[in-house]
Amino acid sequence: MACNKVLGMRNEFTAIIERDGDWFIAQCPEVLKQMVKVTLPMKRREILWQRIELVLEDRREDGLKAASADALREVVTVEK
């Protein structure tokens, strides 16, 4: 199975959402170092998930570039 199939699997992350006046600040401590700041509460999950996807894709690309051509590649699923 190819490494690019990992994005299709189900991942769960913690979303911490706090209100700051008219803003909602969302963050995901497992993945993001920065926070997402939005005014519409219904947009916070969508924007947070988009950021998580971008970070994971970027980290995956960096990791694949660093691996040698003969390295073993397989998909690993982590479940509780």
C-alpha atoms as a PDB file:
ATOM      1  CA  MET A   1       0.000   0.000   0.000  1.00  0.00           C
ATOM      2  CA  ALA A   2       1.381   3.435  -0.892  1.00  0.00           C
ATOM      3  CA  CYS A   3       2.164   6.074   1.727  1.00  0.00           C
ATOM      4  CA  ASN A   4      -0.137   8.590   0.065  1.00  0.00           C
ATOM      5  CA  LYS A   5      -3.112   6.454   1.137  1.00  0.00           C
ATOM      6  CA  VAL A   6      -2.635   7.610   4.755  1.00  0.00           C
ATOM      7  CA  LEU A   7      -4.698  10.768   4.156  1.00  0.00           C
ATOM      8  CA  GLY A   8      -7.719   8.604   3.419  1.00  0.00           C
ATOM      9  CA  MET A   9      -7.678   6.949   6.830  1.00  0.00           C
ATOM     10  CA  ARG A  10      -9.623   8.290   9.775  1.00  0.00           C
ATOM     11  CA  ASN A  11      -7.622  10.488  12.120  1.00  0.00           C
ATOM     12  CA  GLU A  12      -8.786  12.059  15.346  1.00  0.00           C
ATOM     13  CA  PHE A  13      -7.282  15.193  16.818  1.00  0.00           C
ATOM     14  CA  THR A  14      -8.107  17.414  19.771  1.00  0.00           C
ATOM     15  CA  ALA A  15      -9.638  20.785  18.920  1.00  0.00           C
ATOM     16  CA  ILE A  16      -9.368  23.396  21.649  1.00  0.00           C
ATOM     17  CA  ILE A  17     -11.759  26.261  20.949  1.00  0.00           C
ATOM     18  CA  GLU A  18     -11.953  29.399  23.039  1.00  0.00           C
ATOM     19  CA  ARG A  19     -13.886  32.599  22.639  1.00  0.00           C
ATOM     20  CA  ASP A  20     -11.962  35.866  22.604  1.00  0.00           C
ATOM     21  CA  GLY A  21     -14.484  38.686  22.337  1.00  0.00           C
ATOM     22  CA  ASP A  22     -16.018  38.452  18.846  1.00  0.00           C
ATOM     23  CA  TRP A  23     -13.427  35.848  17.761  1.00  0.00           C
ATOM     24  CA  PHE A  24     -13.218  32.096  18.157  1.00  0.00           C
ATOM     25  CA  ILE A  25      -9.686  30.772  18.516  1.00  0.00           C
ATOM     26  CA  ALA A  26      -9.146  27.133  17.608  1.00  0.00           C
ATOM     27  CA  GLN A  27      -6.004  25.074  17.917  1.00  0.00           C
ATOM     28  CA  CYS A  28      -4.921  21.473  17.605  1.00  0.00           C
ATOM     29  CA  PRO A  29      -2.038  20.794  19.994  1.00  0.00           C
ATOM     30  CA  GLU A  30      -1.082  17.477  18.340  1.00  0.00           C
ATOM     31  CA  VAL A  31      -0.394  19.084  14.966  1.00  0.00           C
ATOM     32  CA  LEU A  32      -0.460  22.875  14.882  1.00  0.00           C
ATOM     33  CA  LYS A  33       1.808  25.314  16.655  1.00  0.00           C
ATOM     34  CA  GLN A  34      -0.256  28.301  15.586  1.00  0.00           C
ATOM     35  CA  MET A  35      -3.917  29.003  16.216  1.00  0.00           C
ATOM     36  CA  VAL A  36      -6.810  29.619  13.840  1.00  0.00           C
ATOM     37  CA  LYS A  37      -8.773  32.791  14.538  1.00  0.00           C
ATOM     38  CA  VAL A  38     -12.242  33.125  13.002  1.00  0.00           C
ATOM     39  CA  THR A  39     -15.367  35.185  13.592  1.00  0.00           C
ATOM     40  CA  LEU A  40     -17.897  32.584  12.447  1.00  0.00           C
ATOM     41  CA  PRO A  41     -18.163  29.603  14.809  1.00  0.00           C
ATOM     42  CA  MET A  42     -19.304  27.236  12.039  1.00  0.00           C
ATOM     43  CA  LYS A  43     -16.117  27.927  10.046  1.00  0.00           C
ATOM     44  CA  ARG A  44     -13.680  27.029  12.827  1.00  0.00           C
ATOM     45  CA  ARG A  45     -13.767  23.261  12.266  1.00  0.00           C
ATOM     46  CA  GLU A  46     -13.479  23.577   8.493  1.00  0.00           C
ATOM     47  CA  ILE A  47     -10.528  25.961   8.685  1.00  0.00           C
ATOM     48  CA  LEU A  48      -8.845  23.959  11.461  1.00  0.00           C
ATOM     49  CA  TRP A  49      -9.159  20.729   9.449  1.00  0.00           C
ATOM     50  CA  GLN A  50      -7.727  22.450   6.346  1.00  0.00           C
ATOM     51  CA  ARG A  51      -4.723  23.580   8.380  1.00  0.00           C
ATOM     52  CA  ILE A  52      -4.225  20.076   9.836  1.00  0.00           C
ATOM     53  CA  GLU A  53      -4.324  18.556   6.333  1.00  0.00           C
ATOM     54  CA  LEU A  54      -1.736  21.055   5.065  1.00  0.00           C
ATOM     55  CA  VAL A  55       0.619  20.373   7.975  1.00  0.00           C
ATOM     56  CA  LEU A  56       0.317  16.579   7.589  1.00  0.00           C
ATOM     57  CA  GLU A  57       0.861  16.733   3.816  1.00  0.00           C
ATOM     58  CA  ASP A  58       3.917  18.965   4.275  1.00  0.00           C
ATOM     59  CA  ARG A  59       5.420  16.703   6.953  1.00  0.00           C
ATOM     60  CA  ARG A  60       4.761  13.622   4.815  1.00  0.00           C
ATOM     61  CA  GLU A  61       6.438  15.179   1.762  1.00  0.00           C
ATOM     62  CA  ASP A  62       9.473  16.171   3.838  1.00  0.00           C
ATOM     63  CA  GLY A  63       9.702  12.678   5.318  1.00  0.00           C
ATOM     64  CA  LEU A  64       9.423  10.969   1.932  1.00  0.00           C
ATOM     65  CA  LYS A  65      12.108  13.216   0.436  1.00  0.00           C
ATOM     66  CA  ALA A  66      14.484  12.291   3.258  1.00  0.00           C
ATOM     67  CA  ALA A  67      13.996   8.524   2.813  1.00  0.00           C
ATOM     68  CA  SER A  68      16.402   6.592   0.603  1.00  0.00           C
ATOM     69  CA  ALA A  69      15.073   5.008  -2.584  1.00  0.00           C
ATOM     70  CA  ASP A  70      15.429   1.491  -1.154  1.00  0.00           C
ATOM     71  CA  ALA A  71      13.734   2.275   2.180  1.00  0.00           C
ATOM     72  CA  LEU A  72      10.763   0.142   3.177  1.00  0.00           C
ATOM     73  CA  ARG A  73       7.523   2.135   3.036  1.00  0.00           C
ATOM     74  CA  GLU A  74       4.265   0.970   4.558  1.00  0.00           C
ATOM     75  CA  VAL A  75       1.099   2.442   6.018  1.00  0.00           C
ATOM     76  CA  VAL A  76       0.748   2.327   9.780  1.00  0.00           C
ATOM     77  CA  THR A  77      -2.640   2.771  11.458  1.00  0.00           C
ATOM     78  CA  VAL A  78      -2.710   3.839  15.090  1.00  0.00           C
ATOM     79  CA  GLU A  79      -5.844   3.040  17.048  1.00  0.00           C
ATOM     80  CA  LYS A  80      -6.681   3.255  20.738  1.00  0.00           C
END
